[in-house]
Amino acid sequence: MQRILGLDVGNKTIGVAASDPLGLTAQGVTVLRRSSLAADLEALQELLDRYQASEVAVGLPLNMNGSKGPQAEVAEAFGNALAAKGVTVNYVDERLSTVAAERALLAGDVRRSKRKNVIDMIAAQLILEVYLGRRQAGK
């Protein structure tokens, strides 16, 4: 089984997490600063190669009523660009992942300056954990 990357795609950053080789656990990897679509795709391809992954779980931040807002469109556009490069893309409803990440960091007593730097990576880890759990349950 190959590793899977989890992505929390935003306007300024992309949080990245990776699964273990068995697809059981997720670990935060990095936060990429966005510059251009071509540069972002190239940076992500380097991570896909490094982790020997050909599949990603992209967080789709839907509105609370399930509709797509502007941020969901940003994530979907990035996912579509990855899919066009031959990467298998799976979308995960991540309505509250950033909120959950913030709570986890607060519970861990992480300072505000450090939280800002890692919150997207933790959100990507949570997105990937949801996807892996769903996959293991056969859904």
C-alpha atoms as a PDB file:
ATOM      1  CA  MET A   1       0.000   0.000   0.000  1.00  0.00           C
ATOM      2  CA  GLN A   2       1.241   3.494  -0.797  1.00  0.00           C
ATOM      3  CA  ARG A   3       1.182   6.456   1.511  1.00  0.00           C
ATOM      4  CA  ILE A   4      -1.523   9.098   1.178  1.00  0.00           C
ATOM      5  CA  LEU A   5      -1.055  12.831   1.673  1.00  0.00           C
ATOM      6  CA  GLY A   6      -3.661  14.999   3.397  1.00  0.00           C
ATOM      7  CA  LEU A   7      -3.996  18.619   2.289  1.00  0.00           C
ATOM      8  CA  ASP A   8      -5.542  21.667   3.922  1.00  0.00           C
ATOM      9  CA  VAL A   9      -5.607  24.094   0.986  1.00  0.00           C
ATOM     10  CA  GLY A  10      -5.908  27.786   1.747  1.00  0.00           C
ATOM     11  CA  ASN A  11      -5.266  31.021  -0.122  1.00  0.00           C
ATOM     12  CA  LYS A  12      -1.826  31.598   1.447  1.00  0.00           C
ATOM     13  CA  THR A  13      -0.730  28.160   2.648  1.00  0.00           C
ATOM     14  CA  ILE A  14      -1.223  24.437   2.136  1.00  0.00           C
ATOM     15  CA  GLY A  15      -0.979  22.244   5.216  1.00  0.00           C
ATOM     16  CA  VAL A  16       0.403  18.788   4.420  1.00  0.00           C
ATOM     17  CA  ALA A  17       0.197  15.507   6.334  1.00  0.00           C
ATOM     18  CA  ALA A  18       1.280  11.991   5.332  1.00  0.00           C
ATOM     19  CA  SER A  19       0.002   8.557   6.258  1.00  0.00           C
ATOM     20  CA  ASP A  20       2.223   5.726   7.400  1.00  0.00           C
ATOM     21  CA  PRO A  21       2.910   3.056   4.712  1.00  0.00           C
ATOM     22  CA  LEU A  22      -0.014   0.928   5.968  1.00  0.00           C
ATOM     23  CA  GLY A  23      -2.474   3.820   5.798  1.00  0.00           C
ATOM     24  CA  LEU A  24      -3.354   3.610   9.491  1.00  0.00           C
ATOM     25  CA  THR A  25      -2.033   6.849  10.988  1.00  0.00           C
ATOM     26  CA  ALA A  26      -1.442  10.431   9.880  1.00  0.00           C
ATOM     27  CA  GLN A  27       1.445  12.724  10.786  1.00  0.00           C
ATOM     28  CA  GLY A  28       1.826  16.410  10.019  1.00  0.00           C
ATOM     29  CA  VAL A  29       4.609  17.062   7.514  1.00  0.00           C
ATOM     30  CA  THR A  30       4.885  20.736   6.592  1.00  0.00           C
ATOM     31  CA  VAL A  31       3.132  23.941   5.597  1.00  0.00           C
ATOM     32  CA  LEU A  32       3.767  25.174   2.059  1.00  0.00           C
ATOM     33  CA  ARG A  33       3.590  28.910   1.374  1.00  0.00           C
ATOM     34  CA  ARG A  34       1.579  29.413  -1.800  1.00  0.00           C
ATOM     35  CA  SER A  35       3.098  31.441  -4.629  1.00  0.00           C
ATOM     36  CA  SER A  36       1.741  30.382  -8.035  1.00  0.00           C
ATOM     37  CA  LEU A  37      -0.269  27.340  -9.080  1.00  0.00           C
ATOM     38  CA  ALA A  38       2.682  25.947 -11.058  1.00  0.00           C
ATOM     39  CA  ALA A  39       5.098  26.397  -8.120  1.00  0.00           C
ATOM     40  CA  ASP A  40       2.548  24.976  -5.662  1.00  0.00           C
ATOM     41  CA  LEU A  41       1.995  21.891  -7.840  1.00  0.00           C
ATOM     42  CA  GLU A  42       5.752  21.430  -8.229  1.00  0.00           C
ATOM     43  CA  ALA A  43       6.322  21.630  -4.451  1.00  0.00           C
ATOM     44  CA  LEU A  44       3.516  19.143  -3.871  1.00  0.00           C
ATOM     45  CA  GLN A  45       4.889  16.793  -6.540  1.00  0.00           C
ATOM     46  CA  GLU A  46       8.211  16.778  -4.666  1.00  0.00           C
ATOM     47  CA  LEU A  47       6.352  15.717  -1.497  1.00  0.00           C
ATOM     48  CA  LEU A  48       4.387  13.058  -3.403  1.00  0.00           C
ATOM     49  CA  ASP A  49       7.687  11.689  -4.719  1.00  0.00           C
ATOM     50  CA  ARG A  50       9.435  11.865  -1.335  1.00  0.00           C
ATOM     51  CA  TYR A  51       6.610   9.996   0.415  1.00  0.00           C
ATOM     52  CA  GLN A  52       5.969   7.701  -2.566  1.00  0.00           C
ATOM     53  CA  ALA A  53       2.309   8.747  -2.606  1.00  0.00           C
ATOM     54  CA  SER A  54       0.012   8.910  -5.622  1.00  0.00           C
ATOM     55  CA  GLU A  55      -3.164   9.758  -3.719  1.00  0.00           C
ATOM     56  CA  VAL A  56      -4.253  12.798  -1.711  1.00  0.00           C
ATOM     57  CA  ALA A  57      -7.149  13.632   0.588  1.00  0.00           C
ATOM     58  CA  VAL A  58      -8.073  17.290   0.090  1.00  0.00           C
ATOM     59  CA  GLY A  59     -10.125  19.035   2.741  1.00  0.00           C
ATOM     60  CA  LEU A  60     -13.275  20.597   1.311  1.00  0.00           C
ATOM     61  CA  PRO A  61     -14.445  23.368   3.663  1.00  0.00           C
ATOM     62  CA  LEU A  62     -18.184  23.278   3.013  1.00  0.00           C
ATOM     63  CA  ASN A  63     -20.575  25.769   4.561  1.00  0.00           C
ATOM     64  CA  MET A  64     -22.512  24.482   7.560  1.00  0.00           C
ATOM     65  CA  ASN A  65     -25.540  23.863   5.281  1.00  0.00           C
ATOM     66  CA  GLY A  66     -23.367  21.681   2.990  1.00  0.00           C
ATOM     67  CA  SER A  67     -23.070  24.204   0.150  1.00  0.00           C
ATOM     68  CA  LYS A  68     -19.740  25.217  -1.388  1.00  0.00           C
ATOM     69  CA  GLY A  69     -18.348  28.607  -0.529  1.00  0.00           C
ATOM     70  CA  PRO A  70     -15.292  30.449  -1.893  1.00  0.00           C
ATOM     71  CA  GLN A  71     -12.770  28.412   0.143  1.00  0.00           C
ATOM     72  CA  ALA A  72     -14.269  25.119  -1.041  1.00  0.00           C
ATOM     73  CA  GLU A  73     -13.853  26.366  -4.609  1.00  0.00           C
ATOM     74  CA  VAL A  74     -10.172  27.187  -3.917  1.00  0.00           C
ATOM     75  CA  ALA A  75      -9.590  23.662  -2.539  1.00  0.00           C
ATOM     76  CA  GLU A  76     -11.509  22.045  -5.396  1.00  0.00           C
ATOM     77  CA  ALA A  77      -9.617  24.010  -8.062  1.00  0.00           C
ATOM     78  CA  PHE A  78      -6.316  22.900  -6.542  1.00  0.00           C
ATOM     79  CA  GLY A  79      -7.551  19.301  -6.326  1.00  0.00           C
ATOM     80  CA  ASN A  80      -8.641  19.418  -9.979  1.00  0.00           C
ATOM     81  CA  ALA A  81      -5.185  20.709 -10.988  1.00  0.00           C
ATOM     82  CA  LEU A  82      -3.597  17.778  -9.100  1.00  0.00           C
ATOM     83  CA  ALA A  83      -6.002  15.304 -10.726  1.00  0.00           C
ATOM     84  CA  ALA A  84      -5.047  16.688 -14.157  1.00  0.00           C
ATOM     85  CA  LYS A  85      -1.454  15.671 -13.327  1.00  0.00           C
ATOM     86  CA  GLY A  86      -2.538  12.078 -12.660  1.00  0.00           C
ATOM     87  CA  VAL A  87      -2.837  12.240  -8.869  1.00  0.00           C
ATOM     88  CA  THR A  88      -5.838  10.450  -7.326  1.00  0.00           C
ATOM     89  CA  VAL A  89      -7.791  13.096  -5.405  1.00  0.00           C
ATOM     90  CA  ASN A  90     -10.359  12.380  -2.686  1.00  0.00           C
ATOM     91  CA  TYR A  91     -12.330  15.207  -1.099  1.00  0.00           C
ATOM     92  CA  VAL A  92     -13.073  15.178   2.631  1.00  0.00           C
ATOM     93  CA  ASP A  93     -15.683  17.358   4.335  1.00  0.00           C
ATOM     94  CA  GLU A  94     -13.543  19.455   6.655  1.00  0.00           C
ATOM     95  CA  ARG A  95     -16.034  21.969   7.956  1.00  0.00           C
ATOM     96  CA  LEU A  96     -14.562  22.047  11.443  1.00  0.00           C
ATOM     97  CA  SER A  97     -10.993  20.774  10.973  1.00  0.00           C
ATOM     98  CA  THR A  98      -9.308  24.143  11.553  1.00  0.00           C
ATOM     99  CA  VAL A  99     -11.467  24.714  14.643  1.00  0.00           C
ATOM    100  CA  ALA A 100     -10.545  21.224  15.919  1.00  0.00           C
ATOM    101  CA  ALA A 101      -6.862  21.892  15.171  1.00  0.00           C
ATOM    102  CA  GLU A 102      -6.999  25.174  17.096  1.00  0.00           C
ATOM    103  CA  ARG A 103      -8.633  23.428  20.073  1.00  0.00           C
ATOM    104  CA  ALA A 104      -6.012  20.665  20.046  1.00  0.00           C
ATOM    105  CA  LEU A 105      -3.201  23.224  20.031  1.00  0.00           C
ATOM    106  CA  LEU A 106      -4.848  25.229  22.816  1.00  0.00           C
ATOM    107  CA  ALA A 107      -5.278  22.051  24.873  1.00  0.00           C
ATOM    108  CA  GLY A 108      -1.588  21.358  24.340  1.00  0.00           C
ATOM    109  CA  ASP A 109      -0.788  24.871  25.619  1.00  0.00           C
ATOM    110  CA  VAL A 110       0.966  25.830  22.365  1.00  0.00           C
ATOM    111  CA  ARG A 111       1.867  29.526  22.206  1.00  0.00           C
ATOM    112  CA  ARG A 112      -0.069  31.712  19.743  1.00  0.00           C
ATOM    113  CA  SER A 113       2.985  32.422  17.545  1.00  0.00           C
ATOM    114  CA  LYS A 114       3.700  28.695  17.179  1.00  0.00           C
ATOM    115  CA  ARG A 115      -0.002  27.844  16.653  1.00  0.00           C
ATOM    116  CA  LYS A 116      -0.150  30.142  13.641  1.00  0.00           C
ATOM    117  CA  ASN A 117       2.764  28.273  12.039  1.00  0.00           C
ATOM    118  CA  VAL A 118       1.413  24.746  12.511  1.00  0.00           C
ATOM    119  CA  ILE A 119      -2.385  25.025  12.469  1.00  0.00           C
ATOM    120  CA  ASP A 120      -2.680  24.240   8.735  1.00  0.00           C
ATOM    121  CA  MET A 121      -0.453  21.183   9.140  1.00  0.00           C
ATOM    122  CA  ILE A 122      -2.554  19.934  12.081  1.00  0.00           C
ATOM    123  CA  ALA A 123      -5.746  20.562  10.058  1.00  0.00           C
ATOM    124  CA  ALA A 124      -4.240  18.493   7.193  1.00  0.00           C
ATOM    125  CA  GLN A 125      -3.482  15.725   9.691  1.00  0.00           C
ATOM    126  CA  LEU A 126      -7.099  15.764  10.925  1.00  0.00           C
ATOM    127  CA  ILE A 127      -8.409  15.686   7.319  1.00  0.00           C
ATOM    128  CA  LEU A 128      -6.197  12.703   6.552  1.00  0.00           C
ATOM    129  CA  GLU A 129      -7.253  10.913   9.762  1.00  0.00           C
ATOM    130  CA  VAL A 130     -10.926  11.291   8.764  1.00  0.00           C
ATOM    131  CA  TYR A 131     -10.181   9.933   5.290  1.00  0.00           C
ATOM    132  CA  LEU A 132      -8.137   6.984   6.603  1.00  0.00           C
ATOM    133  CA  GLY A 133     -10.856   6.132   9.132  1.00  0.00           C
ATOM    134  CA  ARG A 134     -13.510   6.200   6.451  1.00  0.00           C
ATOM    135  CA  ARG A 135     -11.374   4.017   4.205  1.00  0.00           C
ATOM    136  CA  GLN A 136     -10.748   1.475   6.955  1.00  0.00           C
ATOM    137  CA  ALA A 137     -14.490   1.342   7.649  1.00  0.00           C
ATOM    138  CA  GLY A 138     -15.054   0.622   3.953  1.00  0.00           C
ATOM    139  CA  LYS A 139     -17.075   3.767   3.266  1.00  0.00           C
END
